[in-house]
PDB file of N, CA and C in Angstrom:
ATOM      1  N   MET A   1      91.331 144.558  91.838  1.00  0.00           N
ATOM      2  CA  MET A   1      92.745 144.119  91.830  1.00  0.00           C
ATOM      3  C   MET A   1      93.271 144.694  93.241  1.00  0.00           C
ATOM      4  N   ILE A   2      94.101 143.792  93.711  1.00  0.00           N
ATOM      5  CA  ILE A   2      94.860 144.046  95.082  1.00  0.00           C
ATOM      6  C   ILE A   2      96.247 144.542  94.631  1.00  0.00           C
ATOM      7  N   TRP A   3      96.675 145.843  95.199  1.00  0.00           N
ATOM      8  CA  TRP A   3      97.867 146.244  94.720  1.00  0.00           C
ATOM      9  C   TRP A   3      99.027 145.787  95.574  1.00  0.00           C
ATOM     10  N   GLY A   4     100.322 145.594  95.072  1.00  0.00           N
ATOM     11  CA  GLY A   4     101.414 145.226  95.899  1.00  0.00           C
ATOM     12  C   GLY A   4     101.661 146.310  96.842  1.00  0.00           C
ATOM     13  N   LEU A   5     102.607 145.931  97.784  1.00  0.00           N
ATOM     14  CA  LEU A   5     102.883 147.141  98.869  1.00  0.00           C
ATOM     15  C   LEU A   5     104.383 146.896  99.113  1.00  0.00           C
ATOM     16  N   THR A   6     104.939 148.237  99.022  1.00  0.00           N
ATOM     17  CA  THR A   6     106.406 148.560  99.548  1.00  0.00           C
ATOM     18  C   THR A   6     106.456 149.595 100.387  1.00  0.00           C
ATOM     19  N   PHE A   7     107.744 149.603 101.095  1.00  0.00           N
ATOM     20  CA  PHE A   7     107.833 150.789 102.203  1.00  0.00           C
ATOM     21  C   PHE A   7     109.115 151.320 101.803  1.00  0.00           C
ATOM     22  N   ARG A   8     109.124 152.750 102.171  1.00  0.00           N
ATOM     23  CA  ARG A   8     110.373 153.382 102.233  1.00  0.00           C
ATOM     24  C   ARG A   8     110.987 152.953 103.423  1.00  0.00           C
ATOM     25  N   LEU A   9     112.465 152.867 103.310  1.00  0.00           N
ATOM     26  CA  LEU A   9     113.238 152.403 104.506  1.00  0.00           C
ATOM     27  C   LEU A   9     112.816 152.908 106.084  1.00  0.00           C
ATOM     28  N   GLU A  10     112.652 154.231 105.976  1.00  0.00           N
ATOM     29  CA  GLU A  10     112.280 154.898 107.420  1.00  0.00           C
ATOM     30  C   GLU A  10     111.079 154.506 108.005  1.00  0.00           C
ATOM     31  N   VAL A  11     110.078 153.802 107.224  1.00  0.00           N
ATOM     32  CA  VAL A  11     108.777 153.420 107.814  1.00  0.00           C
ATOM     33  C   VAL A  11     108.812 152.450 108.844  1.00  0.00           C
ATOM     34  N   GLU A  12     109.664 151.701 108.820  1.00  0.00           N
ATOM     35  CA  GLU A  12     109.877 150.615 109.848  1.00  0.00           C
ATOM     36  C   GLU A  12     110.270 151.268 111.225  1.00  0.00           C
ATOM     37  N   ASP A  13     111.195 152.068 111.079  1.00  0.00           N
ATOM     38  CA  ASP A  13     111.690 152.995 112.215  1.00  0.00           C
ATOM     39  C   ASP A  13     110.597 153.723 112.908  1.00  0.00           C
ATOM     40  N   GLU A  14     109.745 154.381 111.967  1.00  0.00           N
ATOM     41  CA  GLU A  14     108.709 155.416 112.561  1.00  0.00           C
ATOM     42  C   GLU A  14     107.675 154.572 113.128  1.00  0.00           C
ATOM     43  N   MET A  15     107.273 153.226 112.532  1.00  0.00           N
ATOM     44  CA  MET A  15     106.237 152.497 112.999  1.00  0.00           C
ATOM     45  C   MET A  15     106.773 151.915 114.519  1.00  0.00           C
ATOM     46  N   GLN A  16     107.947 151.606 114.699  1.00  0.00           N
ATOM     47  CA  GLN A  16     108.563 151.129 115.859  1.00  0.00           C
ATOM     48  C   GLN A  16     108.583 152.192 116.924  1.00  0.00           C
ATOM     49  N   GLU A  17     108.691 153.399 116.568  1.00  0.00           N
ATOM     50  CA  GLU A  17     108.872 154.584 117.618  1.00  0.00           C
ATOM     51  C   GLU A  17     107.455 154.792 118.029  1.00  0.00           C
ATOM     52  N   VAL A  18     106.457 154.738 117.169  1.00  0.00           N
ATOM     53  CA  VAL A  18     105.091 155.001 117.625  1.00  0.00           C
ATOM     54  C   VAL A  18     104.573 153.821 118.486  1.00  0.00           C
ATOM     55  N   TYR A  19     104.969 152.597 118.180  1.00  0.00           N
ATOM     56  CA  TYR A  19     104.556 151.367 118.873  1.00  0.00           C
ATOM     57  C   TYR A  19     105.193 151.449 120.161  1.00  0.00           C
ATOM     58  N   ASP A  20     106.516 151.834 120.481  1.00  0.00           N
ATOM     59  CA  ASP A  20     106.993 151.855 121.649  1.00  0.00           C
ATOM     60  C   ASP A  20     106.468 152.946 122.531  1.00  0.00           C
ATOM     61  N   PHE A  21     105.942 154.212 122.000  1.00  0.00           N
ATOM     62  CA  PHE A  21     105.351 155.255 122.557  1.00  0.00           C
ATOM     63  C   PHE A  21     104.027 154.630 123.214  1.00  0.00           C
ATOM     64  N   TYR A  22     103.155 154.012 122.410  1.00  0.00           N
ATOM     65  CA  TYR A  22     101.815 153.521 122.866  1.00  0.00           C
ATOM     66  C   TYR A  22     102.061 152.371 123.935  1.00  0.00           C
ATOM     67  N   GLU A  23     102.955 151.483 123.681  1.00  0.00           N
ATOM     68  CA  GLU A  23     103.251 150.350 124.746  1.00  0.00           C
ATOM     69  C   GLU A  23     103.629 150.902 126.047  1.00  0.00           C
ATOM     70  N   ALA A  24     104.419 152.018 126.069  1.00  0.00           N
ATOM     71  CA  ALA A  24     104.804 152.580 127.377  1.00  0.00           C
ATOM     72  C   ALA A  24     103.492 153.385 127.966  1.00  0.00           C
ATOM     73  N   GLN A  25     102.565 153.694 127.273  1.00  0.00           N
ATOM     74  CA  GLN A  25     101.246 154.354 127.842  1.00  0.00           C
ATOM     75  C   GLN A  25     100.514 153.197 128.503  1.00  0.00           C
ATOM     76  N   LYS A  26     100.285 152.152 127.773  1.00  0.00           N
ATOM     77  CA  LYS A  26      99.414 151.068 128.077  1.00  0.00           C
ATOM     78  C   LYS A  26      99.717 149.786 127.490  1.00  0.00           C
ATOM     79  N   THR A  27      99.815 148.591 128.182  1.00  0.00           N
ATOM     80  CA  THR A  27     100.230 147.335 127.673  1.00  0.00           C
ATOM     81  C   THR A  27      99.104 146.982 126.452  1.00  0.00           C
ATOM     82  N   ASN A  28      99.594 146.610 125.397  1.00  0.00           N
ATOM     83  CA  ASN A  28      99.026 146.175 124.183  1.00  0.00           C
ATOM     84  C   ASN A  28      98.412 147.326 123.407  1.00  0.00           C
ATOM     85  N   LEU A  29      98.623 148.566 123.893  1.00  0.00           N
ATOM     86  CA  LEU A  29      98.114 149.736 122.933  1.00  0.00           C
ATOM     87  C   LEU A  29      98.929 149.818 121.687  1.00  0.00           C
ATOM     88  N   GLY A  30     100.256 149.419 121.800  1.00  0.00           N
ATOM     89  CA  GLY A  30     101.214 149.419 120.701  1.00  0.00           C
ATOM     90  C   GLY A  30     100.690 148.269 119.615  1.00  0.00           C
ATOM     91  N   GLU A  31     100.183 147.158 120.290  1.00  0.00           N
ATOM     92  CA  GLU A  31      99.605 146.208 119.219  1.00  0.00           C
ATOM     93  C   GLU A  31      98.337 146.705 118.642  1.00  0.00           C
ATOM     94  N   LEU A  32      97.404 147.436 119.336  1.00  0.00           N
ATOM     95  CA  LEU A  32      96.398 147.914 118.707  1.00  0.00           C
ATOM     96  C   LEU A  32      96.791 148.995 117.692  1.00  0.00           C
ATOM     97  N   PHE A  33      97.686 149.646 117.722  1.00  0.00           N
ATOM     98  CA  PHE A  33      98.256 150.642 116.728  1.00  0.00           C
ATOM     99  C   PHE A  33      98.527 149.900 115.574  1.00  0.00           C
ATOM    100  N   LEU A  34      99.320 148.852 115.716  1.00  0.00           N
ATOM    101  CA  LEU A  34      99.758 148.049 114.673  1.00  0.00           C
ATOM    102  C   LEU A  34      98.797 147.450 113.720  1.00  0.00           C
ATOM    103  N   ASP A  35      97.701 146.941 114.548  1.00  0.00           N
ATOM    104  CA  ASP A  35      96.529 146.315 113.955  1.00  0.00           C
ATOM    105  C   ASP A  35      95.764 147.475 113.144  1.00  0.00           C
ATOM    106  N   SER A  36      95.676 148.621 113.480  1.00  0.00           N
ATOM    107  CA  SER A  36      95.064 149.733 112.983  1.00  0.00           C
ATOM    108  C   SER A  36      95.914 150.081 111.576  1.00  0.00           C
ATOM    109  N   VAL A  37      97.238 150.089 111.623  1.00  0.00           N
ATOM    110  CA  VAL A  37      97.986 150.206 110.479  1.00  0.00           C
ATOM    111  C   VAL A  37      97.669 149.043 109.513  1.00  0.00           C
ATOM    112  N   ASP A  38      97.824 147.841 109.905  1.00  0.00           N
ATOM    113  CA  ASP A  38      97.392 146.792 109.064  1.00  0.00           C
ATOM    114  C   ASP A  38      95.962 146.817 108.340  1.00  0.00           C
ATOM    115  N   ARG A  39      95.025 147.155 109.030  1.00  0.00           N
ATOM    116  CA  ARG A  39      93.630 147.436 108.502  1.00  0.00           C
ATOM    117  C   ARG A  39      93.750 148.427 107.438  1.00  0.00           C
ATOM    118  N   ALA A  40      94.402 149.673 107.733  1.00  0.00           N
ATOM    119  CA  ALA A  40      94.449 150.693 106.990  1.00  0.00           C
ATOM    120  C   ALA A  40      95.283 150.331 105.422  1.00  0.00           C
ATOM    121  N   LEU A  41      96.228 149.445 105.837  1.00  0.00           N
ATOM    122  CA  LEU A  41      96.945 149.128 104.626  1.00  0.00           C
ATOM    123  C   LEU A  41      96.284 148.201 103.588  1.00  0.00           C
ATOM    124  N   GLU A  42      95.390 147.285 104.251  1.00  0.00           N
ATOM    125  CA  GLU A  42      94.601 146.325 103.513  1.00  0.00           C
ATOM    126  C   GLU A  42      93.645 147.199 102.758  1.00  0.00           C
ATOM    127  N   SER A  43      92.915 148.244 103.313  1.00  0.00           N
ATOM    128  CA  SER A  43      92.064 149.044 102.693  1.00  0.00           C
ATOM    129  C   SER A  43      92.762 149.808 101.407  1.00  0.00           C
ATOM    130  N   VAL A  44      93.950 150.467 101.741  1.00  0.00           N
ATOM    131  CA  VAL A  44      94.757 151.143 100.636  1.00  0.00           C
ATOM    132  C   VAL A  44      95.101 150.241  99.470  1.00  0.00           C
ATOM    133  N   CYS A  45      95.535 148.928  99.735  1.00  0.00           N
ATOM    134  CA  CYS A  45      95.993 148.151  98.748  1.00  0.00           C
ATOM    135  C   CYS A  45      94.671 147.550  97.863  1.00  0.00           C
ATOM    136  N   ALA A  46      93.553 147.491  98.549  1.00  0.00           N
ATOM    137  CA  ALA A  46      92.368 147.116  97.819  1.00  0.00           C
ATOM    138  C   ALA A  46      91.807 148.144  96.879  1.00  0.00           C
ATOM    139  N   ASN A  47      91.952 149.402  97.189  1.00  0.00           N
ATOM    140  CA  ASN A  47      91.509 150.547  96.427  1.00  0.00           C
ATOM    141  C   ASN A  47      92.302 151.908  96.642  1.00  0.00           C
ATOM    142  N   PRO A  48      93.364 151.947  96.264  1.00  0.00           N
ATOM    143  CA  PRO A  48      94.076 153.197  96.610  1.00  0.00           C
ATOM    144  C   PRO A  48      93.539 154.505  96.000  1.00  0.00           C
ATOM    145  N   LEU A  49      92.866 154.423  95.010  1.00  0.00           N
ATOM    146  CA  LEU A  49      92.350 155.556  94.293  1.00  0.00           C
ATOM    147  C   LEU A  49      91.192 156.208  95.094  1.00  0.00           C
ATOM    148  N   ILE A  50      90.544 155.645  96.120  1.00  0.00           N
ATOM    149  CA  ILE A  50      89.576 156.279  96.782  1.00  0.00           C
ATOM    150  C   ILE A  50      90.202 157.479  97.766  1.00  0.00           C
ATOM    151  N   TYR A  51      91.465 157.283  98.010  1.00  0.00           N
ATOM    152  CA  TYR A  51      92.046 158.316  99.003  1.00  0.00           C
ATOM    153  C   TYR A  51      92.561 159.520  98.278  1.00  0.00           C
ATOM    154  N   ARG A  52      92.247 160.661  98.829  1.00  0.00           N
ATOM    155  CA  ARG A  52      92.457 161.973  98.218  1.00  0.00           C
ATOM    156  C   ARG A  52      93.978 162.180  98.060  1.00  0.00           C
ATOM    157  N   GLU A  53      94.323 162.892  97.029  1.00  0.00           N
ATOM    158  CA  GLU A  53      95.777 163.323  96.746  1.00  0.00           C
ATOM    159  C   GLU A  53      95.891 164.625  97.489  1.00  0.00           C
ATOM    160  N   ARG A  54      96.898 164.526  98.543  1.00  0.00           N
ATOM    161  CA  ARG A  54      97.019 165.743  99.527  1.00  0.00           C
ATOM    162  C   ARG A  54      98.272 166.667  98.860  1.00  0.00           C
ATOM    163  N   LEU A  55      99.250 166.011  98.389  1.00  0.00           N
ATOM    164  CA  LEU A  55     100.360 166.445  97.834  1.00  0.00           C
ATOM    165  C   LEU A  55     100.607 166.078  96.493  1.00  0.00           C
ATOM    166  N   LYS A  56     101.431 166.603  95.569  1.00  0.00           N
ATOM    167  CA  LYS A  56     101.498 166.029  94.163  1.00  0.00           C
ATOM    168  C   LYS A  56     101.822 164.604  94.162  1.00  0.00           C
ATOM    169  N   GLY A  57     100.856 163.846  93.847  1.00  0.00           N
ATOM    170  CA  GLY A  57     101.208 162.263  93.704  1.00  0.00           C
ATOM    171  C   GLY A  57     101.057 161.573  95.018  1.00  0.00           C
ATOM    172  N   ILE A  58     100.928 162.128  96.082  1.00  0.00           N
ATOM    173  CA  ILE A  58     100.947 161.580  97.407  1.00  0.00           C
ATOM    174  C   ILE A  58      99.420 161.600  98.020  1.00  0.00           C
ATOM    175  N   ARG A  59      99.017 160.503  98.337  1.00  0.00           N
ATOM    176  CA  ARG A  59      97.874 160.236  98.841  1.00  0.00           C
ATOM    177  C   ARG A  59      97.833 159.831 100.383  1.00  0.00           C
ATOM    178  N   VAL A  60      96.574 160.076 101.079  1.00  0.00           N
ATOM    179  CA  VAL A  60      96.613 159.887 102.609  1.00  0.00           C
ATOM    180  C   VAL A  60      95.619 159.169 102.976  1.00  0.00           C
ATOM    181  N   LYS A  61      95.860 158.110 103.794  1.00  0.00           N
ATOM    182  CA  LYS A  61      94.833 157.311 104.566  1.00  0.00           C
ATOM    183  C   LYS A  61      95.002 157.479 106.074  1.00  0.00           C
ATOM    184  N   ARG A  62      93.931 157.977 106.701  1.00  0.00           N
ATOM    185  CA  ARG A  62      94.096 158.368 108.199  1.00  0.00           C
ATOM    186  C   ARG A  62      93.713 157.154 108.889  1.00  0.00           C
ATOM    187  N   LEU A  63      94.458 156.841 109.975  1.00  0.00           N
ATOM    188  CA  LEU A  63      94.030 155.607 110.737  1.00  0.00           C
ATOM    189  C   LEU A  63      92.794 155.825 111.639  1.00  0.00           C
ATOM    190  N   VAL A  64      92.174 154.768 111.949  1.00  0.00           N
ATOM    191  CA  VAL A  64      90.996 154.803 112.792  1.00  0.00           C
ATOM    192  C   VAL A  64      91.502 154.662 114.324  1.00  0.00           C
ATOM    193  N   LYS A  65      91.135 155.470 115.209  1.00  0.00           N
ATOM    194  CA  LYS A  65      91.485 155.349 116.573  1.00  0.00           C
ATOM    195  C   LYS A  65      92.758 155.889 116.936  1.00  0.00           C
ATOM    196  N   PHE A  66      93.595 156.246 116.060  1.00  0.00           N
ATOM    197  CA  PHE A  66      94.913 156.827 116.356  1.00  0.00           C
ATOM    198  C   PHE A  66      95.155 158.068 115.554  1.00  0.00           C
ATOM    199  N   PRO A  67      95.832 159.060 115.920  1.00  0.00           N
ATOM    200  CA  PRO A  67      96.100 160.446 115.242  1.00  0.00           C
ATOM    201  C   PRO A  67      97.265 160.404 114.337  1.00  0.00           C
ATOM    202  N   TYR A  68      97.159 159.375 113.472  1.00  0.00           N
ATOM    203  CA  TYR A  68      98.204 159.119 112.299  1.00  0.00           C
ATOM    204  C   TYR A  68      97.538 158.997 111.045  1.00  0.00           C
ATOM    205  N   ALA A  69      98.448 159.197 110.071  1.00  0.00           N
ATOM    206  CA  ALA A  69      98.058 158.933 108.750  1.00  0.00           C
ATOM    207  C   ALA A  69      99.122 158.319 107.934  1.00  0.00           C
ATOM    208  N   ILE A  70      98.714 157.547 106.870  1.00  0.00           N
ATOM    209  CA  ILE A  70      99.643 156.892 106.004  1.00  0.00           C
ATOM    210  C   ILE A  70      99.740 157.594 104.785  1.00  0.00           C
ATOM    211  N   TYR A  71     100.844 158.086 104.418  1.00  0.00           N
ATOM    212  CA  TYR A  71     101.248 158.870 103.268  1.00  0.00           C
ATOM    213  C   TYR A  71     101.776 157.823 102.328  1.00  0.00           C
ATOM    214  N   PHE A  72     101.230 157.836 101.001  1.00  0.00           N
ATOM    215  CA  PHE A  72     101.604 156.856 100.069  1.00  0.00           C
ATOM    216  C   PHE A  72     101.585 157.358  98.582  1.00  0.00           C
ATOM    217  N   THR A  73     102.188 156.608  97.667  1.00  0.00           N
ATOM    218  CA  THR A  73     102.146 156.948  96.139  1.00  0.00           C
ATOM    219  C   THR A  73     101.728 155.531  95.669  1.00  0.00           C
ATOM    220  N   MET A  74     101.421 155.768  94.347  1.00  0.00           N
ATOM    221  CA  MET A  74     101.026 154.470  93.529  1.00  0.00           C
ATOM    222  C   MET A  74     102.019 154.402  92.328  1.00  0.00           C
ATOM    223  N   GLU A  75     102.946 153.355  92.280  1.00  0.00           N
ATOM    224  CA  GLU A  75     103.951 153.060  91.196  1.00  0.00           C
ATOM    225  C   GLU A  75     103.918 151.640  90.664  1.00  0.00           C
ATOM    226  N   LEU A  76     103.594 151.744  89.452  1.00  0.00           N
ATOM    227  CA  LEU A  76     103.827 150.235  88.722  1.00  0.00           C
ATOM    228  C   LEU A  76     103.099 149.211  89.375  1.00  0.00           C
ATOM    229  N   GLY A  77     101.711 149.416  89.733  1.00  0.00           N
ATOM    230  CA  GLY A  77     100.813 148.417  90.367  1.00  0.00           C
ATOM    231  C   GLY A  77     101.304 148.214  91.761  1.00  0.00           C
ATOM    232  N   ARG A  78     102.054 149.044  92.374  1.00  0.00           N
ATOM    233  CA  ARG A  78     102.289 148.925  93.900  1.00  0.00           C
ATOM    234  C   ARG A  78     101.977 150.153  94.543  1.00  0.00           C
ATOM    235  N   VAL A  79     101.426 149.921  95.936  1.00  0.00           N
ATOM    236  CA  VAL A  79     101.511 151.165  96.656  1.00  0.00           C
ATOM    237  C   VAL A  79     102.870 151.227  97.561  1.00  0.00           C
ATOM    238  N   LYS A  80     103.359 152.446  97.565  1.00  0.00           N
ATOM    239  CA  LYS A  80     104.610 152.795  98.238  1.00  0.00           C
ATOM    240  C   LYS A  80     104.351 153.658  99.333  1.00  0.00           C
ATOM    241  N   VAL A  81     104.477 153.059 100.773  1.00  0.00           N
ATOM    242  CA  VAL A  81     104.309 153.862 101.848  1.00  0.00           C
ATOM    243  C   VAL A  81     105.609 154.641 102.145  1.00  0.00           C
ATOM    244  N   LEU A  82     105.255 156.062 102.089  1.00  0.00           N
ATOM    245  CA  LEU A  82     106.416 156.930 102.244  1.00  0.00           C
ATOM    246  C   LEU A  82     106.591 157.156 103.833  1.00  0.00           C
ATOM    247  N   SER A  83     105.499 157.286 104.403  1.00  0.00           N
ATOM    248  CA  SER A  83     105.597 157.579 105.830  1.00  0.00           C
ATOM    249  C   SER A  83     104.365 157.475 106.657  1.00  0.00           C
ATOM    250  N   ILE A  84     104.412 157.424 108.035  1.00  0.00           N
ATOM    251  CA  ILE A  84     103.336 157.275 108.910  1.00  0.00           C
ATOM    252  C   ILE A  84     103.497 158.609 109.959  1.00  0.00           C
ATOM    253  N   ILE A  85     102.725 159.553 109.648  1.00  0.00           N
ATOM    254  CA  ILE A  85     102.842 160.903 110.462  1.00  0.00           C
ATOM    255  C   ILE A  85     101.743 161.144 111.244  1.00  0.00           C
ATOM    256  N   HIS A  86     102.137 161.717 112.377  1.00  0.00           N
ATOM    257  CA  HIS A  86     100.957 162.229 113.165  1.00  0.00           C
ATOM    258  C   HIS A  86     100.125 163.399 112.655  1.00  0.00           C
ATOM    259  N   ASN A  87      98.829 163.425 112.797  1.00  0.00           N
ATOM    260  CA  ASN A  87      97.941 164.247 112.131  1.00  0.00           C
ATOM    261  C   ASN A  87      98.215 165.785 112.517  1.00  0.00           C
ATOM    262  N   LYS A  88      98.991 166.014 113.590  1.00  0.00           N
ATOM    263  CA  LYS A  88      99.069 167.463 114.073  1.00  0.00           C
ATOM    264  C   LYS A  88     100.304 168.065 113.432  1.00  0.00           C
ATOM    265  N   ARG A  89     101.233 167.251 112.699  1.00  0.00           N
ATOM    266  CA  ARG A  89     102.155 167.955 112.077  1.00  0.00           C
ATOM    267  C   ARG A  89     102.001 169.025 110.988  1.00  0.00           C
ATOM    268  N   ASN A  90     102.672 169.903 110.996  1.00  0.00           N
ATOM    269  CA  ASN A  90     102.640 171.080 110.065  1.00  0.00           C
ATOM    270  C   ASN A  90     102.794 170.600 108.613  1.00  0.00           C
ATOM    271  N   ARG A  91     102.035 171.113 107.687  1.00  0.00           N
ATOM    272  CA  ARG A  91     102.080 170.688 106.254  1.00  0.00           C
ATOM    273  C   ARG A  91     103.424 170.887 105.780  1.00  0.00           C
ATOM    274  N   ASP A  92     104.034 172.129 106.073  1.00  0.00           N
ATOM    275  CA  ASP A  92     105.452 172.344 105.579  1.00  0.00           C
ATOM    276  C   ASP A  92     106.386 171.332 105.968  1.00  0.00           C
ATOM    277  N   TRP A  93     106.193 170.889 107.310  1.00  0.00           N
ATOM    278  CA  TRP A  93     107.171 169.799 107.699  1.00  0.00           C
ATOM    279  C   TRP A  93     106.855 168.332 107.131  1.00  0.00           C
ATOM    280  N   ILE A  94     105.736 168.271 106.726  1.00  0.00           N
ATOM    281  CA  ILE A  94     105.169 166.981 106.004  1.00  0.00           C
ATOM    282  C   ILE A  94     105.797 167.103 104.690  1.00  0.00           C
ATOM    283  N   GLU A  95     105.730 168.080 103.870  1.00  0.00           N
ATOM    284  CA  GLU A  95     106.167 168.276 102.407  1.00  0.00           C
ATOM    285  C   GLU A  95     107.731 167.968 102.574  1.00  0.00           C
ATOM    286  N   MET A  96     108.380 168.624 103.481  1.00  0.00           N
ATOM    287  CA  MET A  96     109.864 168.436 103.638  1.00  0.00           C
ATOM    288  C   MET A  96     110.238 167.065 103.817  1.00  0.00           C
ATOM    289  N   ARG A  97     109.406 166.347 104.801  1.00  0.00           N
ATOM    290  CA  ARG A  97     109.685 164.993 105.059  1.00  0.00           C
ATOM    291  C   ARG A  97     109.474 163.969 103.859  1.00  0.00           C
ATOM    292  N   LEU A  98     108.530 164.362 103.156  1.00  0.00           N
ATOM    293  CA  LEU A  98     108.263 163.416 102.037  1.00  0.00           C
ATOM    294  C   LEU A  98     109.019 163.699 100.838  1.00  0.00           C
ATOM    295  N   THR A  99     109.659 164.683 100.707  1.00  0.00           N
ATOM    296  CA  THR A  99     110.479 164.913  99.460  1.00  0.00           C
ATOM    297  C   THR A  99     111.923 164.757  99.488  1.00  0.00           C
TER     298      THR A  99
END
């Protein structure tokens, strides 16, 4: 079963910010970031239960080649993306951000 996908409103702004950062570093690096997000989301939607629960009810999928992770929940047959966060963020900051 492929799960549906929804996003918290802030996620689009987060992705745009990271995209802009990587594009400023090197042309097309932002596009590679977005491709990595797309591949990760496909994997999450195909089988969200394989990803470990890090916080109560919140699972995490790390991106390949980029130091970011997708934080998501599963609700009513849908994966809800809560945030895309840099891996170096403090756990307390992450918990505050997601609640």
